[in-house]
Amino acid sequence: MSSILLALLVGFALTQAANVVTTVYLHRALAHRALTMSPGLTNVCRTLTWLLTGIRPRQWAAVHRKHHAFTDEPQDPHSPAQLGWLRVQLTNVVLYRRVARDPEQVARHARDLPATRLDRWLFDHALIGLGITTAIVVALMGPIGFLAMGFHFVLYLSLSAAVNAIGHTFGTRPFENSATNLQWLALLTCGEGFHNNHHAAPTSARFALEARQFDPGWWLIRIAQRLRWVSVRHDSPIFATPRTTP
C-alpha cells in the first residue's frame, strides 16, 4: 500500500510541475505575451513541456487564442455553453486536437510561433519526451512507476479539461464574461481556476485580483522576476470586461 501511495504522490508532483509550465509558459508567456522569459528559462520550460505533457506550444497557443477570439460562440474549440460542461470535461482532448491538428488554424492563430529546427527534430515528437520521462520514473521506482505516470496523465488531462468545462460553468463571475472563478481549482492548477479574472484581463500575468485569492503561478513569476529571469508586461491589469454590478 505504501508503494501505491508513493506512486500517487509522484504522479501528483509530476502533474503540478506540468501545471506550472502550462500556466506560466504556455498560457501567460506564449499565448498572451503577459510576460517575457529569459532564453535560458524558456529552454527549461520548453523541455519540461515536452517531457511532462508532450504538448507542442504553438498548437496549445493557437487553440487557446481561438478560445478567446470566439468565447462560448460556435467557433469556440471547447465551449460548455455550446456542448455542455460534461462533454467538454470528458472529451477535452478530442476537442483540443481538432484545432491543434489543423495546420491552417494553427498558422492563423499562432503565426508568431513558427516551428524551429529543434522542434522538427525533437520537440514535436511527443512520444519521445513522454517515453523518456516514463523510462526515468520506472527506472527509479520499478514497475509501480507505470502507476505514477498513469495517474499523472489522467490527473493532468482532467484538470486541464476542468478549466475549460467547470471554469465556464460553476463558480463566481465578478466580471462580465462567461468564465468563472473557483479557488479550489486555482490551487490545483497553479492559478488557472481564476478563469473569470483571466478573461477580464487576458494580458495580465497575475490571475488573482483580490486579497483572498491565491495564485501559485503568480508567486513563481514574482520569484523569477526578482531573479531577473522574467519581465512582466503590465504592473497593473488592463481590463477587457467591466466588473458586474452588485
C-alpha atoms as a PDB file:
ATOM      1  CA  MET A   1       0.000   0.000   0.000  1.00  0.00           C
ATOM      2  CA  SER A   2       2.852   2.377   0.783  1.00  0.00           C
ATOM      3  CA  SER A   3       4.273   1.902  -2.711  1.00  0.00           C
ATOM      4  CA  ILE A   4       0.885   2.747  -4.238  1.00  0.00           C
ATOM      5  CA  LEU A   5       0.671   5.898  -2.122  1.00  0.00           C
ATOM      6  CA  LEU A   6       4.189   6.843  -3.195  1.00  0.00           C
ATOM      7  CA  ALA A   7       3.234   6.336  -6.850  1.00  0.00           C
ATOM      8  CA  LEU A   8       0.197   8.591  -6.433  1.00  0.00           C
ATOM      9  CA  LEU A   9       2.299  11.261  -4.731  1.00  0.00           C
ATOM     10  CA  VAL A  10       4.891  11.134  -7.507  1.00  0.00           C
ATOM     11  CA  GLY A  11       2.138  11.342 -10.123  1.00  0.00           C
ATOM     12  CA  PHE A  12       0.627  14.325  -8.336  1.00  0.00           C
ATOM     13  CA  ALA A  13       4.026  16.048  -8.175  1.00  0.00           C
ATOM     14  CA  LEU A  14       4.585  15.488 -11.901  1.00  0.00           C
ATOM     15  CA  THR A  15       1.146  16.942 -12.615  1.00  0.00           C
ATOM     16  CA  GLN A  16       1.880  20.033 -10.560  1.00  0.00           C
ATOM     17  CA  ALA A  17       5.167  20.528 -12.407  1.00  0.00           C
ATOM     18  CA  ALA A  18       3.249  20.186 -15.680  1.00  0.00           C
ATOM     19  CA  ASN A  19       0.680  22.701 -14.435  1.00  0.00           C
ATOM     20  CA  VAL A  20       3.444  25.202 -13.669  1.00  0.00           C
ATOM     21  CA  VAL A  21       4.862  25.122 -17.205  1.00  0.00           C
ATOM     22  CA  THR A  22       1.340  25.136 -18.653  1.00  0.00           C
ATOM     23  CA  THR A  23       0.156  28.253 -16.822  1.00  0.00           C
ATOM     24  CA  VAL A  24       3.415  30.217 -16.725  1.00  0.00           C
ATOM     25  CA  TYR A  25       4.987  29.271 -20.047  1.00  0.00           C
ATOM     26  CA  LEU A  26       2.249  28.099 -22.412  1.00  0.00           C
ATOM     27  CA  HIS A  27      -0.564  30.318 -21.156  1.00  0.00           C
ATOM     28  CA  ARG A  28       0.750  33.535 -19.666  1.00  0.00           C
ATOM     29  CA  ALA A  29       4.013  33.850 -21.609  1.00  0.00           C
ATOM     30  CA  LEU A  30       3.280  32.378 -25.054  1.00  0.00           C
ATOM     31  CA  ALA A  31      -0.466  32.597 -25.641  1.00  0.00           C
ATOM     32  CA  HIS A  32      -0.978  36.078 -24.128  1.00  0.00           C
ATOM     33  CA  ARG A  33       2.532  37.572 -24.024  1.00  0.00           C
ATOM     34  CA  ALA A  34       1.805  38.662 -20.436  1.00  0.00           C
ATOM     35  CA  LEU A  35       5.453  38.079 -19.548  1.00  0.00           C
ATOM     36  CA  THR A  36       8.745  37.549 -21.319  1.00  0.00           C
ATOM     37  CA  MET A  37      11.182  34.858 -20.184  1.00  0.00           C
ATOM     38  CA  SER A  38      14.936  34.791 -20.447  1.00  0.00           C
ATOM     39  CA  PRO A  39      16.261  32.428 -23.142  1.00  0.00           C
ATOM     40  CA  GLY A  40      17.548  30.018 -20.508  1.00  0.00           C
ATOM     41  CA  LEU A  41      14.239  29.793 -18.648  1.00  0.00           C
ATOM     42  CA  THR A  42      12.385  29.489 -21.946  1.00  0.00           C
ATOM     43  CA  ASN A  43      14.504  26.480 -22.889  1.00  0.00           C
ATOM     44  CA  VAL A  44      13.917  24.874 -19.488  1.00  0.00           C
ATOM     45  CA  CYS A  45      10.151  25.356 -19.770  1.00  0.00           C
ATOM     46  CA  ARG A  46      10.147  24.147 -23.376  1.00  0.00           C
ATOM     47  CA  THR A  47      11.950  20.970 -22.366  1.00  0.00           C
ATOM     48  CA  LEU A  48       9.704  20.354 -19.361  1.00  0.00           C
ATOM     49  CA  THR A  49       6.619  20.854 -21.533  1.00  0.00           C
ATOM     50  CA  TRP A  50       7.927  18.161 -23.877  1.00  0.00           C
ATOM     51  CA  LEU A  51       8.884  15.761 -21.080  1.00  0.00           C
ATOM     52  CA  LEU A  52       5.766  16.189 -18.929  1.00  0.00           C
ATOM     53  CA  THR A  53       2.943  16.884 -21.390  1.00  0.00           C
ATOM     54  CA  GLY A  54       4.066  16.177 -24.960  1.00  0.00           C
ATOM     55  CA  ILE A  55       2.296  19.406 -25.982  1.00  0.00           C
ATOM     56  CA  ARG A  56       3.526  21.451 -28.938  1.00  0.00           C
ATOM     57  CA  PRO A  57       3.486  25.047 -27.629  1.00  0.00           C
ATOM     58  CA  ARG A  58       2.367  26.671 -30.884  1.00  0.00           C
ATOM     59  CA  GLN A  59      -0.606  24.303 -31.053  1.00  0.00           C
ATOM     60  CA  TRP A  60      -1.580  24.993 -27.445  1.00  0.00           C
ATOM     61  CA  ALA A  61      -1.326  28.751 -28.037  1.00  0.00           C
ATOM     62  CA  ALA A  62      -3.407  28.506 -31.224  1.00  0.00           C
ATOM     63  CA  VAL A  63      -6.219  26.577 -29.511  1.00  0.00           C
ATOM     64  CA  HIS A  64      -6.285  28.954 -26.562  1.00  0.00           C
ATOM     65  CA  ARG A  65      -6.179  32.094 -28.680  1.00  0.00           C
ATOM     66  CA  LYS A  66      -9.083  30.782 -30.737  1.00  0.00           C
ATOM     67  CA  HIS A  67     -10.968  30.171 -27.491  1.00  0.00           C
ATOM     68  CA  HIS A  68     -10.509  33.824 -26.536  1.00  0.00           C
ATOM     69  CA  ALA A  69     -11.424  35.049 -30.005  1.00  0.00           C
ATOM     70  CA  PHE A  70     -14.717  33.116 -30.011  1.00  0.00           C
ATOM     71  CA  THR A  71     -15.502  32.538 -26.330  1.00  0.00           C
ATOM     72  CA  ASP A  72     -18.680  30.458 -25.999  1.00  0.00           C
ATOM     73  CA  GLU A  73     -19.568  31.064 -29.638  1.00  0.00           C
ATOM     74  CA  PRO A  74     -19.959  28.149 -32.076  1.00  0.00           C
ATOM     75  CA  GLN A  75     -16.317  28.547 -33.190  1.00  0.00           C
ATOM     76  CA  ASP A  76     -15.021  28.132 -29.609  1.00  0.00           C
ATOM     77  CA  PRO A  77     -12.971  24.890 -29.572  1.00  0.00           C
ATOM     78  CA  HIS A  78     -14.303  23.779 -26.180  1.00  0.00           C
ATOM     79  CA  SER A  79     -17.344  25.744 -25.053  1.00  0.00           C
ATOM     80  CA  PRO A  80     -19.624  24.302 -22.327  1.00  0.00           C
ATOM     81  CA  ALA A  81     -22.278  26.782 -23.450  1.00  0.00           C
ATOM     82  CA  GLN A  82     -22.300  25.086 -26.856  1.00  0.00           C
ATOM     83  CA  LEU A  83     -21.538  21.480 -25.916  1.00  0.00           C
ATOM     84  CA  GLY A  84     -22.396  21.090 -22.237  1.00  0.00           C
ATOM     85  CA  TRP A  85     -19.829  21.074 -19.437  1.00  0.00           C
ATOM     86  CA  LEU A  86     -19.774  17.291 -19.018  1.00  0.00           C
ATOM     87  CA  ARG A  87     -18.942  16.682 -22.672  1.00  0.00           C
ATOM     88  CA  VAL A  88     -16.115  19.224 -22.509  1.00  0.00           C
ATOM     89  CA  GLN A  89     -14.827  17.650 -19.295  1.00  0.00           C
ATOM     90  CA  LEU A  90     -14.817  14.144 -20.750  1.00  0.00           C
ATOM     91  CA  THR A  91     -13.704  14.885 -24.322  1.00  0.00           C
ATOM     92  CA  ASN A  92     -11.487  17.953 -23.932  1.00  0.00           C
ATOM     93  CA  VAL A  93      -8.517  16.140 -25.510  1.00  0.00           C
ATOM     94  CA  VAL A  94     -10.535  15.368 -28.635  1.00  0.00           C
ATOM     95  CA  LEU A  95     -11.838  18.938 -28.866  1.00  0.00           C
ATOM     96  CA  TYR A  96      -8.317  20.304 -28.413  1.00  0.00           C
ATOM     97  CA  ARG A  97      -6.868  18.077 -31.132  1.00  0.00           C
ATOM     98  CA  ARG A  98      -9.448  19.202 -33.702  1.00  0.00           C
ATOM     99  CA  VAL A  99      -7.800  22.616 -33.784  1.00  0.00           C
ATOM    100  CA  ALA A 100      -4.274  21.546 -32.840  1.00  0.00           C
ATOM    101  CA  ARG A 101      -4.113  19.111 -35.767  1.00  0.00           C
ATOM    102  CA  ASP A 102      -5.420  21.683 -38.280  1.00  0.00           C
ATOM    103  CA  PRO A 103      -2.343  23.372 -39.855  1.00  0.00           C
ATOM    104  CA  GLU A 104      -4.431  26.230 -41.249  1.00  0.00           C
ATOM    105  CA  GLN A 105      -5.879  27.154 -37.861  1.00  0.00           C
ATOM    106  CA  VAL A 106      -2.547  26.807 -36.091  1.00  0.00           C
ATOM    107  CA  ALA A 107      -0.943  29.069 -38.703  1.00  0.00           C
ATOM    108  CA  ARG A 108      -3.748  31.597 -38.311  1.00  0.00           C
ATOM    109  CA  HIS A 109      -3.745  31.799 -34.522  1.00  0.00           C
ATOM    110  CA  ALA A 110      -0.047  31.188 -33.818  1.00  0.00           C
ATOM    111  CA  ARG A 111       1.704  32.793 -36.752  1.00  0.00           C
ATOM    112  CA  ASP A 112       4.237  34.348 -34.358  1.00  0.00           C
ATOM    113  CA  LEU A 113       5.329  30.896 -33.153  1.00  0.00           C
ATOM    114  CA  PRO A 114       6.808  29.079 -36.162  1.00  0.00           C
ATOM    115  CA  ALA A 115       8.328  25.637 -35.725  1.00  0.00           C
ATOM    116  CA  THR A 116      12.093  25.702 -35.241  1.00  0.00           C
ATOM    117  CA  ARG A 117      14.582  23.138 -36.449  1.00  0.00           C
ATOM    118  CA  LEU A 118      14.814  21.733 -32.908  1.00  0.00           C
ATOM    119  CA  ASP A 119      11.027  21.421 -32.833  1.00  0.00           C
ATOM    120  CA  ARG A 120      11.040  19.394 -36.044  1.00  0.00           C
ATOM    121  CA  TRP A 121      13.903  17.192 -34.896  1.00  0.00           C
ATOM    122  CA  LEU A 122      12.874  16.666 -31.276  1.00  0.00           C
ATOM    123  CA  PHE A 123      10.168  18.639 -29.503  1.00  0.00           C
ATOM    124  CA  ASP A 124       7.381  17.883 -31.981  1.00  0.00           C
ATOM    125  CA  HIS A 125       7.742  14.183 -31.184  1.00  0.00           C
ATOM    126  CA  ALA A 126       5.572  13.868 -28.085  1.00  0.00           C
ATOM    127  CA  LEU A 127       6.048  10.148 -27.570  1.00  0.00           C
ATOM    128  CA  ILE A 128       9.800  10.572 -27.280  1.00  0.00           C
ATOM    129  CA  GLY A 129       9.521  13.150 -24.493  1.00  0.00           C
ATOM    130  CA  LEU A 130       6.858  11.237 -22.585  1.00  0.00           C
ATOM    131  CA  GLY A 131       8.751   7.997 -23.163  1.00  0.00           C
ATOM    132  CA  ILE A 132      11.922   9.472 -21.639  1.00  0.00           C
ATOM    133  CA  THR A 133      10.025  10.613 -18.545  1.00  0.00           C
ATOM    134  CA  THR A 134       8.306   7.242 -18.188  1.00  0.00           C
ATOM    135  CA  ALA A 135      11.626   5.415 -18.526  1.00  0.00           C
ATOM    136  CA  ILE A 136      13.225   7.587 -15.837  1.00  0.00           C
ATOM    137  CA  VAL A 137      10.328   7.164 -13.412  1.00  0.00           C
ATOM    138  CA  VAL A 138      10.169   3.387 -13.931  1.00  0.00           C
ATOM    139  CA  ALA A 139      13.951   3.080 -13.582  1.00  0.00           C
ATOM    140  CA  LEU A 140      13.791   4.900 -10.236  1.00  0.00           C
ATOM    141  CA  MET A 141      10.612   3.314  -8.881  1.00  0.00           C
ATOM    142  CA  GLY A 142      10.300  -0.045 -10.599  1.00  0.00           C
ATOM    143  CA  PRO A 143       7.035  -1.263 -12.152  1.00  0.00           C
ATOM    144  CA  ILE A 144       4.986   0.927  -9.765  1.00  0.00           C
ATOM    145  CA  GLY A 145       6.348   3.836 -11.795  1.00  0.00           C
ATOM    146  CA  PHE A 146       3.829   2.988 -14.504  1.00  0.00           C
ATOM    147  CA  LEU A 147       1.063   3.733 -11.983  1.00  0.00           C
ATOM    148  CA  ALA A 148       2.689   7.073 -11.169  1.00  0.00           C
ATOM    149  CA  MET A 149       2.819   8.031 -14.841  1.00  0.00           C
ATOM    150  CA  GLY A 150      -0.720   6.817 -15.498  1.00  0.00           C
ATOM    151  CA  PHE A 151      -2.043   8.845 -12.575  1.00  0.00           C
ATOM    152  CA  HIS A 152      -0.115  11.879 -13.838  1.00  0.00           C
ATOM    153  CA  PHE A 153      -1.607  11.621 -17.321  1.00  0.00           C
ATOM    154  CA  VAL A 154      -5.176  11.201 -16.058  1.00  0.00           C
ATOM    155  CA  LEU A 155      -4.908  13.967 -13.461  1.00  0.00           C
ATOM    156  CA  TYR A 156      -3.236  16.474 -15.781  1.00  0.00           C
ATOM    157  CA  LEU A 157      -5.770  15.930 -18.563  1.00  0.00           C
ATOM    158  CA  SER A 158      -8.677  16.047 -16.092  1.00  0.00           C
ATOM    159  CA  LEU A 159      -7.540  19.328 -14.526  1.00  0.00           C
ATOM    160  CA  SER A 160      -6.889  20.897 -17.931  1.00  0.00           C
ATOM    161  CA  ALA A 161     -10.377  19.878 -19.002  1.00  0.00           C
ATOM    162  CA  ALA A 162     -11.845  21.241 -15.763  1.00  0.00           C
ATOM    163  CA  VAL A 163     -10.522  24.726 -16.501  1.00  0.00           C
ATOM    164  CA  ASN A 164     -12.433  24.714 -19.789  1.00  0.00           C
ATOM    165  CA  ALA A 165     -15.547  22.869 -18.572  1.00  0.00           C
ATOM    166  CA  ILE A 166     -16.093  23.675 -14.897  1.00  0.00           C
ATOM    167  CA  GLY A 167     -14.312  27.020 -15.288  1.00  0.00           C
ATOM    168  CA  HIS A 168     -17.036  28.216 -17.663  1.00  0.00           C
ATOM    169  CA  THR A 169     -19.980  26.740 -15.779  1.00  0.00           C
ATOM    170  CA  PHE A 170     -19.665  26.783 -11.976  1.00  0.00           C
ATOM    171  CA  GLY A 171     -18.264  29.453  -9.680  1.00  0.00           C
ATOM    172  CA  THR A 172     -18.380  33.228  -9.299  1.00  0.00           C
ATOM    173  CA  ARG A 173     -18.412  35.875 -12.016  1.00  0.00           C
ATOM    174  CA  PRO A 174     -17.124  39.180 -10.607  1.00  0.00           C
ATOM    175  CA  PHE A 175     -16.518  40.421 -14.166  1.00  0.00           C
ATOM    176  CA  GLU A 176     -18.909  40.483 -17.110  1.00  0.00           C
ATOM    177  CA  ASN A 177     -17.742  37.426 -19.025  1.00  0.00           C
ATOM    178  CA  SER A 178     -18.855  33.797 -19.172  1.00  0.00           C
ATOM    179  CA  ALA A 179     -15.859  32.297 -17.359  1.00  0.00           C
ATOM    180  CA  THR A 180     -15.898  31.662 -13.603  1.00  0.00           C
ATOM    181  CA  ASN A 181     -13.592  31.799 -10.579  1.00  0.00           C
ATOM    182  CA  LEU A 182     -13.006  28.766  -8.339  1.00  0.00           C
ATOM    183  CA  GLN A 183     -10.329  28.943  -5.639  1.00  0.00           C
ATOM    184  CA  TRP A 184     -10.045  25.163  -5.233  1.00  0.00           C
ATOM    185  CA  LEU A 185      -9.450  24.753  -8.956  1.00  0.00           C
ATOM    186  CA  ALA A 186      -6.889  27.572  -8.880  1.00  0.00           C
ATOM    187  CA  LEU A 187      -4.939  25.787  -6.151  1.00  0.00           C
ATOM    188  CA  LEU A 188      -4.896  22.549  -8.145  1.00  0.00           C
ATOM    189  CA  THR A 189      -3.882  24.264 -11.410  1.00  0.00           C
ATOM    190  CA  CYS A 190      -1.414  26.914 -10.220  1.00  0.00           C
ATOM    191  CA  GLY A 191      -3.916  29.738 -10.668  1.00  0.00           C
ATOM    192  CA  GLU A 192      -5.866  28.676 -13.745  1.00  0.00           C
ATOM    193  CA  GLY A 193      -9.086  28.425 -11.714  1.00  0.00           C
ATOM    194  CA  PHE A 194      -9.396  32.229 -11.727  1.00  0.00           C
ATOM    195  CA  HIS A 195     -10.731  31.998 -15.249  1.00  0.00           C
ATOM    196  CA  ASN A 196     -13.200  34.876 -14.923  1.00  0.00           C
ATOM    197  CA  ASN A 197     -10.389  37.176 -13.803  1.00  0.00           C
ATOM    198  CA  HIS A 198      -8.249  35.982 -16.698  1.00  0.00           C
ATOM    199  CA  HIS A 199     -10.917  36.672 -19.317  1.00  0.00           C
ATOM    200  CA  ALA A 200     -11.425  40.115 -17.763  1.00  0.00           C
ATOM    201  CA  ALA A 201      -7.707  40.946 -18.060  1.00  0.00           C
ATOM    202  CA  PRO A 202      -6.187  38.451 -20.538  1.00  0.00           C
ATOM    203  CA  THR A 203      -2.803  40.182 -20.856  1.00  0.00           C
ATOM    204  CA  SER A 204      -2.230  40.239 -17.095  1.00  0.00           C
ATOM    205  CA  ALA A 205       0.357  37.819 -15.728  1.00  0.00           C
ATOM    206  CA  ARG A 206      -1.495  37.850 -12.394  1.00  0.00           C
ATOM    207  CA  PHE A 207      -4.761  35.911 -12.198  1.00  0.00           C
ATOM    208  CA  ALA A 208      -5.587  36.570  -8.518  1.00  0.00           C
ATOM    209  CA  LEU A 209      -7.067  40.059  -8.369  1.00  0.00           C
ATOM    210  CA  GLU A 210      -8.337  40.124  -4.776  1.00  0.00           C
ATOM    211  CA  ALA A 211      -6.545  39.787  -1.439  1.00  0.00           C
ATOM    212  CA  ARG A 212      -8.169  36.455  -0.548  1.00  0.00           C
ATOM    213  CA  GLN A 213      -7.371  34.839  -3.896  1.00  0.00           C
ATOM    214  CA  PHE A 214      -4.270  32.640  -4.139  1.00  0.00           C
ATOM    215  CA  ASP A 215      -2.495  32.225  -7.475  1.00  0.00           C
ATOM    216  CA  PRO A 216       0.568  29.940  -7.087  1.00  0.00           C
ATOM    217  CA  GLY A 217       1.619  30.617 -10.674  1.00  0.00           C
ATOM    218  CA  TRP A 218       1.934  34.332  -9.915  1.00  0.00           C
ATOM    219  CA  TRP A 219       4.068  33.601  -6.836  1.00  0.00           C
ATOM    220  CA  LEU A 220       6.530  31.715  -9.038  1.00  0.00           C
ATOM    221  CA  ILE A 221       6.529  34.527 -11.593  1.00  0.00           C
ATOM    222  CA  ARG A 222       7.333  37.042  -8.850  1.00  0.00           C
ATOM    223  CA  ILE A 223      10.281  34.925  -7.710  1.00  0.00           C
ATOM    224  CA  ALA A 224      11.552  34.653 -11.284  1.00  0.00           C
ATOM    225  CA  GLN A 225      11.052  38.393 -11.688  1.00  0.00           C
ATOM    226  CA  ARG A 226      13.230  39.101  -8.650  1.00  0.00           C
ATOM    227  CA  LEU A 227      15.885  36.844 -10.155  1.00  0.00           C
ATOM    228  CA  ARG A 228      15.564  38.793 -13.433  1.00  0.00           C
ATOM    229  CA  TRP A 229      14.527  35.705 -15.326  1.00  0.00           C
ATOM    230  CA  VAL A 230      11.244  37.241 -16.488  1.00  0.00           C
ATOM    231  CA  SER A 231       9.796  40.663 -17.232  1.00  0.00           C
ATOM    232  CA  VAL A 232       6.083  41.299 -16.713  1.00  0.00           C
ATOM    233  CA  ARG A 233       4.100  43.141 -19.365  1.00  0.00           C
ATOM    234  CA  HIS A 234       1.784  45.137 -17.073  1.00  0.00           C
ATOM    235  CA  ASP A 235       2.308  46.183 -13.475  1.00  0.00           C
ATOM    236  CA  SER A 236      -1.465  46.538 -13.124  1.00  0.00           C
ATOM    237  CA  PRO A 237      -4.139  44.535 -15.002  1.00  0.00           C
ATOM    238  CA  ILE A 238      -5.712  46.103 -18.084  1.00  0.00           C
ATOM    239  CA  PHE A 239      -9.346  45.044 -18.087  1.00  0.00           C
ATOM    240  CA  ALA A 240     -11.217  43.956 -21.193  1.00  0.00           C
ATOM    241  CA  THR A 241     -14.546  43.443 -19.389  1.00  0.00           C
ATOM    242  CA  PRO A 242     -16.015  45.513 -16.516  1.00  0.00           C
ATOM    243  CA  ARG A 243     -16.964  44.297 -13.064  1.00  0.00           C
ATOM    244  CA  THR A 244     -20.502  43.116 -12.557  1.00  0.00           C
ATOM    245  CA  THR A 245     -22.802  45.390 -10.612  1.00  0.00           C
ATOM    246  CA  PRO A 246     -23.761  44.161  -7.102  1.00  0.00           C
END
